[in-house]
């Protein structure tokens, strides 16, 4: 094969490769597994008034997180903090005086990304 033939064959292979690669990207787009936001507790059961720590993970990086108190007559929203570059936020608080299994809820400011768990207060 002469030099022009080699160049043409190489360009044809490149064009076919790009076309196949593009077609595959349309048919099967790459999707990274999204990390589901969650809340883990230092202890799932605490005594009334006792301090506990909640670790929030899976939120977007540098996102302001709201917490919700839902163990009272009227639910209240409060700023829990801002996640780090890895989407993690660690907060500590004292368990309420209300005994029972109480939900702990967190969300981003737009209220589109939520995480919840339960804390048992004895």
N, C-alpha and C. Protein backbone atom coordinates (compact mmCIF):
# COMPACT_ATOMS: atom_id res chain seq x y z
N UNK A 1 0.84 -1.17 0.00
CA UNK A 1 0.00 0.00 0.00
C UNK A 1 0.89 1.24 0.00
N UNK A 2 0.53 2.23 -0.81
CA UNK A 2 1.34 3.44 -0.83
C UNK A 2 0.99 4.35 0.34
N UNK A 3 1.71 5.41 0.46
CA UNK A 3 1.57 6.31 1.60
C UNK A 3 0.17 6.92 1.65
N UNK A 4 -0.39 7.36 0.55
CA UNK A 4 -1.74 7.95 0.53
C UNK A 4 -2.78 6.92 0.93
N UNK A 5 -2.61 5.70 0.56
CA UNK A 5 -3.54 4.63 0.92
C UNK A 5 -3.53 4.40 2.42
N UNK A 6 -2.35 4.42 3.03
CA UNK A 6 -2.23 4.23 4.48
C UNK A 6 -2.91 5.37 5.22
N UNK A 7 -2.70 6.59 4.77
CA UNK A 7 -3.32 7.76 5.40
C UNK A 7 -4.84 7.69 5.27
N UNK A 8 -5.33 7.34 4.09
CA UNK A 8 -6.78 7.25 3.86
C UNK A 8 -7.37 6.14 4.73
N UNK A 9 -6.69 5.00 4.80
CA UNK A 9 -7.18 3.88 5.60
C UNK A 9 -7.21 4.26 7.08
N UNK A 10 -6.20 4.97 7.56
CA UNK A 10 -6.13 5.41 8.95
C UNK A 10 -7.25 6.41 9.25
N UNK A 11 -7.48 7.37 8.35
CA UNK A 11 -8.56 8.34 8.55
C UNK A 11 -9.92 7.66 8.54
N UNK A 12 -10.11 6.69 7.65
CA UNK A 12 -11.37 5.95 7.61
C UNK A 12 -11.60 5.20 8.92
N UNK A 13 -10.55 4.56 9.44
CA UNK A 13 -10.65 3.86 10.72
C UNK A 13 -10.98 4.82 11.86
N UNK A 14 -10.38 6.00 11.84
CA UNK A 14 -10.64 7.02 12.86
C UNK A 14 -12.09 7.48 12.80
N UNK A 15 -12.59 7.74 11.61
CA UNK A 15 -13.97 8.18 11.45
C UNK A 15 -14.95 7.10 11.90
N UNK A 16 -14.68 5.85 11.52
CA UNK A 16 -15.55 4.75 11.94
C UNK A 16 -15.51 4.60 13.46
N UNK A 17 -14.34 4.70 14.06
CA UNK A 17 -14.19 4.59 15.51
C UNK A 17 -14.96 5.68 16.24
N UNK A 18 -14.86 6.91 15.72
CA UNK A 18 -15.60 8.02 16.34
C UNK A 18 -17.10 7.81 16.21
N UNK A 19 -17.55 7.34 15.06
CA UNK A 19 -18.98 7.11 14.84
C UNK A 19 -19.49 6.02 15.77
N UNK A 20 -18.75 4.93 15.91
CA UNK A 20 -19.16 3.84 16.79
C UNK A 20 -19.16 4.32 18.25
N UNK A 21 -18.12 5.02 18.64
CA UNK A 21 -18.05 5.53 20.01
C UNK A 21 -19.18 6.49 20.33
N UNK A 22 -19.49 7.38 19.40
CA UNK A 22 -20.59 8.32 19.60
C UNK A 22 -21.92 7.58 19.68
N UNK A 23 -22.11 6.60 18.82
CA UNK A 23 -23.36 5.82 18.83
C UNK A 23 -23.54 5.08 20.15
N UNK A 24 -22.48 4.51 20.65
CA UNK A 24 -22.55 3.81 21.94
C UNK A 24 -22.86 4.79 23.06
N UNK A 25 -22.28 5.97 23.02
CA UNK A 25 -22.55 6.95 24.08
C UNK A 25 -24.00 7.42 24.08
N UNK A 26 -24.63 7.43 22.92
CA UNK A 26 -26.04 7.80 22.83
C UNK A 26 -26.92 6.65 23.34
N UNK A 27 -26.58 5.43 22.90
CA UNK A 27 -27.39 4.26 23.27
C UNK A 27 -27.22 3.88 24.74
N UNK A 28 -26.02 3.97 25.25
CA UNK A 28 -25.72 3.58 26.63
C UNK A 28 -24.92 4.67 27.31
N UNK A 29 -25.55 5.79 27.66
CA UNK A 29 -24.79 6.88 28.28
C UNK A 29 -24.17 6.46 29.61
N UNK A 30 -23.00 6.99 29.89
CA UNK A 30 -22.32 6.69 31.14
C UNK A 30 -23.08 7.35 32.28
N UNK A 31 -23.37 6.59 33.29
CA UNK A 31 -24.02 7.12 34.48
C UNK A 31 -23.25 6.65 35.70
N UNK A 32 -22.73 7.61 36.44
CA UNK A 32 -22.07 7.22 37.68
C UNK A 32 -23.15 6.91 38.70
N UNK A 33 -22.92 5.91 39.52
CA UNK A 33 -23.94 5.59 40.52
C UNK A 33 -24.08 6.75 41.50
N UNK A 34 -25.26 7.31 41.56
CA UNK A 34 -25.50 8.44 42.46
C UNK A 34 -25.51 7.93 43.89
N UNK A 35 -24.84 8.66 44.73
CA UNK A 35 -24.80 8.29 46.13
C UNK A 35 -26.09 8.77 46.79
N UNK A 36 -26.77 7.87 47.44
CA UNK A 36 -28.03 8.20 48.09
C UNK A 36 -27.73 8.87 49.43
N UNK A 37 -28.29 10.05 49.67
CA UNK A 37 -28.07 10.72 50.95
C UNK A 37 -28.58 9.87 52.11
N UNK A 38 -27.84 9.92 53.21
CA UNK A 38 -28.24 9.16 54.40
C UNK A 38 -27.77 9.87 55.66
N UNK A 39 -28.35 9.45 56.76
CA UNK A 39 -27.97 9.96 58.09
C UNK A 39 -27.60 8.75 58.94
N UNK A 40 -26.40 8.77 59.49
CA UNK A 40 -26.01 7.71 60.44
C UNK A 40 -25.79 8.37 61.80
N UNK A 41 -26.15 7.64 62.83
CA UNK A 41 -26.09 8.17 64.20
C UNK A 41 -24.97 7.52 64.99
N UNK A 42 -24.41 8.27 65.94
CA UNK A 42 -23.38 7.71 66.82
C UNK A 42 -24.00 6.61 67.67
N UNK A 43 -25.28 6.75 67.96
CA UNK A 43 -26.04 5.73 68.68
C UNK A 43 -27.49 5.88 68.28
N UNK A 44 -28.13 4.79 67.95
CA UNK A 44 -29.54 4.86 67.55
C UNK A 44 -30.48 5.02 68.73
N UNK A 45 -29.98 4.75 69.95
CA UNK A 45 -30.78 4.89 71.16
C UNK A 45 -30.01 5.74 72.16
N UNK A 46 -30.66 6.79 72.66
CA UNK A 46 -30.05 7.67 73.66
C UNK A 46 -31.09 7.99 74.73
N UNK A 47 -30.59 8.44 75.88
CA UNK A 47 -31.50 8.88 76.95
C UNK A 47 -31.93 10.32 76.67
N UNK A 48 -33.09 10.70 77.17
CA UNK A 48 -33.60 12.07 77.01
C UNK A 48 -32.54 13.07 77.47
N UNK A 49 -32.26 14.06 76.65
CA UNK A 49 -31.28 15.09 76.97
C UNK A 49 -29.85 14.72 76.66
N UNK A 50 -29.57 13.45 76.36
CA UNK A 50 -28.20 13.00 76.09
C UNK A 50 -27.74 13.49 74.71
N UNK A 51 -26.43 13.78 74.62
CA UNK A 51 -25.88 14.25 73.35
C UNK A 51 -25.66 13.07 72.40
N UNK A 52 -25.88 13.30 71.12
CA UNK A 52 -25.62 12.32 70.07
C UNK A 52 -25.07 13.06 68.86
N UNK A 53 -24.47 12.33 67.94
CA UNK A 53 -23.91 12.90 66.72
C UNK A 53 -24.56 12.26 65.51
N UNK A 54 -24.92 13.09 64.55
CA UNK A 54 -25.48 12.62 63.28
C UNK A 54 -24.50 12.96 62.16
N UNK A 55 -24.18 11.98 61.32
CA UNK A 55 -23.31 12.19 60.18
C UNK A 55 -24.14 12.05 58.91
N UNK A 56 -24.20 13.14 58.14
CA UNK A 56 -24.95 13.16 56.89
C UNK A 56 -23.96 12.94 55.75
N UNK A 57 -24.26 12.03 54.86
CA UNK A 57 -23.40 11.76 53.71
C UNK A 57 -24.25 11.65 52.45
N UNK A 58 -23.59 11.78 51.30
CA UNK A 58 -24.27 11.59 50.03
C UNK A 58 -24.94 12.83 49.48
N UNK A 59 -24.82 13.95 50.16
CA UNK A 59 -25.37 15.20 49.64
C UNK A 59 -24.35 15.83 48.69
N UNK A 60 -24.76 16.75 47.84
CA UNK A 60 -23.79 17.43 46.98
C UNK A 60 -22.77 18.21 47.82
N UNK A 61 -21.61 18.41 47.25
CA UNK A 61 -20.55 19.16 47.94
C UNK A 61 -20.98 20.60 48.18
N UNK A 62 -20.54 21.15 49.30
CA UNK A 62 -20.75 22.56 49.64
C UNK A 62 -22.22 22.98 49.54
N UNK A 63 -23.09 22.15 50.08
CA UNK A 63 -24.53 22.41 50.04
C UNK A 63 -25.03 22.72 51.43
N UNK A 64 -25.81 23.79 51.54
CA UNK A 64 -26.39 24.15 52.83
C UNK A 64 -27.53 23.18 53.13
N UNK A 65 -27.49 22.59 54.32
CA UNK A 65 -28.45 21.57 54.72
C UNK A 65 -29.37 22.10 55.81
N UNK A 66 -30.65 21.83 55.64
CA UNK A 66 -31.64 22.17 56.67
C UNK A 66 -31.99 20.91 57.44
N UNK A 67 -32.21 21.07 58.72
CA UNK A 67 -32.72 19.99 59.55
C UNK A 67 -34.16 20.30 59.91
N UNK A 68 -34.89 19.27 60.26
CA UNK A 68 -36.29 19.44 60.61
C UNK A 68 -36.56 18.81 61.96
N UNK A 69 -37.22 19.56 62.83
CA UNK A 69 -37.71 18.98 64.08
C UNK A 69 -39.14 18.57 63.81
N UNK A 70 -39.38 17.29 63.88
CA UNK A 70 -40.73 16.79 63.60
C UNK A 70 -41.29 16.07 64.82
N UNK A 71 -40.63 16.25 65.95
CA UNK A 71 -41.07 15.57 67.17
C UNK A 71 -41.82 16.52 68.10
N UNK A 72 -42.27 17.62 67.55
CA UNK A 72 -43.02 18.59 68.34
C UNK A 72 -44.38 18.79 67.67
N UNK A 73 -45.23 19.57 68.31
CA UNK A 73 -46.55 19.82 67.74
C UNK A 73 -46.46 20.49 66.37
N UNK A 74 -45.53 21.42 66.22
CA UNK A 74 -45.34 22.12 64.96
C UNK A 74 -43.93 21.82 64.46
N UNK A 75 -43.82 21.32 63.24
CA UNK A 75 -42.50 21.05 62.66
C UNK A 75 -41.78 22.37 62.42
N UNK A 76 -40.48 22.35 62.68
CA UNK A 76 -39.67 23.55 62.48
C UNK A 76 -38.45 23.19 61.64
N UNK A 77 -38.06 24.14 60.80
CA UNK A 77 -36.88 23.96 59.96
C UNK A 77 -35.75 24.83 60.53
N UNK A 78 -34.52 24.30 60.52
CA UNK A 78 -33.37 25.06 60.98
C UNK A 78 -32.17 24.74 60.10
N UNK A 79 -31.21 25.64 60.03
CA UNK A 79 -29.99 25.41 59.26
C UNK A 79 -29.08 24.50 60.06
N UNK A 80 -28.75 23.34 59.49
CA UNK A 80 -27.89 22.37 60.17
C UNK A 80 -26.42 22.65 59.89
N UNK A 81 -26.11 23.17 58.72
CA UNK A 81 -24.73 23.45 58.34
C UNK A 81 -24.53 23.27 56.85
N UNK A 82 -23.28 23.26 56.41
CA UNK A 82 -22.94 23.12 55.00
C UNK A 82 -22.04 21.90 54.82
N UNK A 83 -22.34 21.10 53.83
CA UNK A 83 -21.53 19.91 53.57
C UNK A 83 -20.12 20.29 53.12
N UNK A 84 -19.20 19.38 53.32
CA UNK A 84 -17.83 19.61 52.88
C UNK A 84 -17.70 19.26 51.39
N UNK A 85 -16.48 19.23 50.89
CA UNK A 85 -16.23 18.94 49.47
C UNK A 85 -16.67 17.53 49.08
N UNK A 86 -16.84 16.65 50.07
CA UNK A 86 -17.27 15.28 49.80
C UNK A 86 -18.76 15.07 50.05
N UNK A 87 -19.50 16.14 50.36
CA UNK A 87 -20.93 16.01 50.61
C UNK A 87 -21.26 15.48 51.98
N UNK A 88 -20.38 15.71 52.94
CA UNK A 88 -20.55 15.19 54.29
C UNK A 88 -20.72 16.33 55.29
N UNK A 89 -21.57 16.11 56.28
CA UNK A 89 -21.78 17.08 57.34
C UNK A 89 -21.97 16.32 58.65
N UNK A 90 -21.26 16.72 59.69
CA UNK A 90 -21.39 16.10 61.00
C UNK A 90 -21.96 17.14 61.96
N UNK A 91 -23.06 16.79 62.61
CA UNK A 91 -23.70 17.69 63.57
C UNK A 91 -23.96 16.94 64.87
N UNK A 92 -23.92 17.66 65.97
CA UNK A 92 -24.22 17.08 67.28
C UNK A 92 -25.36 17.85 67.91
N UNK A 93 -26.10 17.15 68.73
CA UNK A 93 -27.21 17.79 69.43
C UNK A 93 -27.61 16.96 70.62
N UNK A 94 -28.51 17.51 71.41
CA UNK A 94 -29.04 16.80 72.56
C UNK A 94 -30.40 16.24 72.20
N UNK A 95 -30.64 15.01 72.63
CA UNK A 95 -31.93 14.37 72.38
C UNK A 95 -33.02 15.16 73.09
N UNK A 96 -34.20 15.22 72.51
CA UNK A 96 -35.30 15.93 73.17
C UNK A 96 -35.76 15.17 74.41
N UNK A 97 -36.59 15.82 75.18
CA UNK A 97 -37.14 15.20 76.38
C UNK A 97 -38.30 14.25 76.04
N UNK A 98 -38.76 14.29 74.81
CA UNK A 98 -39.84 13.41 74.37
C UNK A 98 -39.32 11.99 74.21
N UNK A 99 -39.92 11.05 74.90
CA UNK A 99 -39.49 9.65 74.83
C UNK A 99 -40.22 8.97 73.68
N UNK A 100 -39.50 8.14 72.96
CA UNK A 100 -40.08 7.40 71.85
C UNK A 100 -39.14 7.35 70.67
N UNK A 101 -39.62 6.84 69.56
CA UNK A 101 -38.84 6.79 68.34
C UNK A 101 -39.19 8.02 67.52
N UNK A 102 -38.20 8.87 67.30
CA UNK A 102 -38.42 10.16 66.67
C UNK A 102 -37.67 10.25 65.34
N UNK A 103 -38.30 10.78 64.30
CA UNK A 103 -37.62 10.92 63.01
C UNK A 103 -36.62 12.06 63.03
N UNK A 104 -35.51 11.86 62.36
CA UNK A 104 -34.53 12.92 62.11
C UNK A 104 -34.49 13.11 60.60
N UNK A 105 -34.68 14.33 60.14
CA UNK A 105 -34.81 14.61 58.72
C UNK A 105 -33.86 15.74 58.34
N UNK A 106 -33.25 15.61 57.15
CA UNK A 106 -32.38 16.66 56.61
C UNK A 106 -32.64 16.78 55.11
N UNK A 107 -32.49 18.00 54.60
CA UNK A 107 -32.66 18.22 53.16
C UNK A 107 -31.82 19.42 52.73
N UNK A 108 -31.64 19.53 51.41
CA UNK A 108 -30.96 20.71 50.89
C UNK A 108 -31.92 21.89 50.89
N UNK A 109 -31.44 23.10 50.62
CA UNK A 109 -32.27 24.30 50.69
C UNK A 109 -33.43 24.28 49.71
N UNK A 110 -33.27 23.60 48.57
CA UNK A 110 -34.36 23.54 47.59
C UNK A 110 -35.37 22.46 47.94
N UNK A 111 -35.08 21.70 48.96
CA UNK A 111 -35.93 20.60 49.43
C UNK A 111 -36.17 19.55 48.35
N UNK A 112 -35.11 19.26 47.59
CA UNK A 112 -35.21 18.21 46.57
C UNK A 112 -34.42 16.97 46.94
N UNK A 113 -33.46 17.11 47.83
CA UNK A 113 -32.64 15.98 48.26
C UNK A 113 -32.87 15.77 49.75
N UNK A 114 -33.39 14.60 50.11
CA UNK A 114 -33.79 14.32 51.49
C UNK A 114 -33.08 13.09 52.04
N UNK A 115 -32.89 13.09 53.34
CA UNK A 115 -32.42 11.91 54.06
C UNK A 115 -33.15 11.87 55.40
N UNK A 116 -33.41 10.68 55.88
CA UNK A 116 -34.11 10.54 57.15
C UNK A 116 -33.64 9.28 57.88
N UNK A 117 -33.76 9.31 59.18
CA UNK A 117 -33.48 8.17 60.02
C UNK A 117 -34.34 8.33 61.28
N UNK A 118 -34.19 7.41 62.19
CA UNK A 118 -34.96 7.50 63.44
C UNK A 118 -34.02 7.40 64.63
N UNK A 119 -34.35 8.14 65.67
CA UNK A 119 -33.62 8.15 66.93
C UNK A 119 -34.58 7.69 68.01
N UNK A 120 -34.16 6.69 68.78
CA UNK A 120 -34.99 6.22 69.88
C UNK A 120 -34.52 6.89 71.16
N UNK A 121 -35.43 7.59 71.81
CA UNK A 121 -35.12 8.30 73.05
C UNK A 121 -35.80 7.54 74.19
N UNK A 122 -34.99 7.20 75.21
CA UNK A 122 -35.52 6.45 76.37
C UNK A 122 -35.50 7.32 77.61
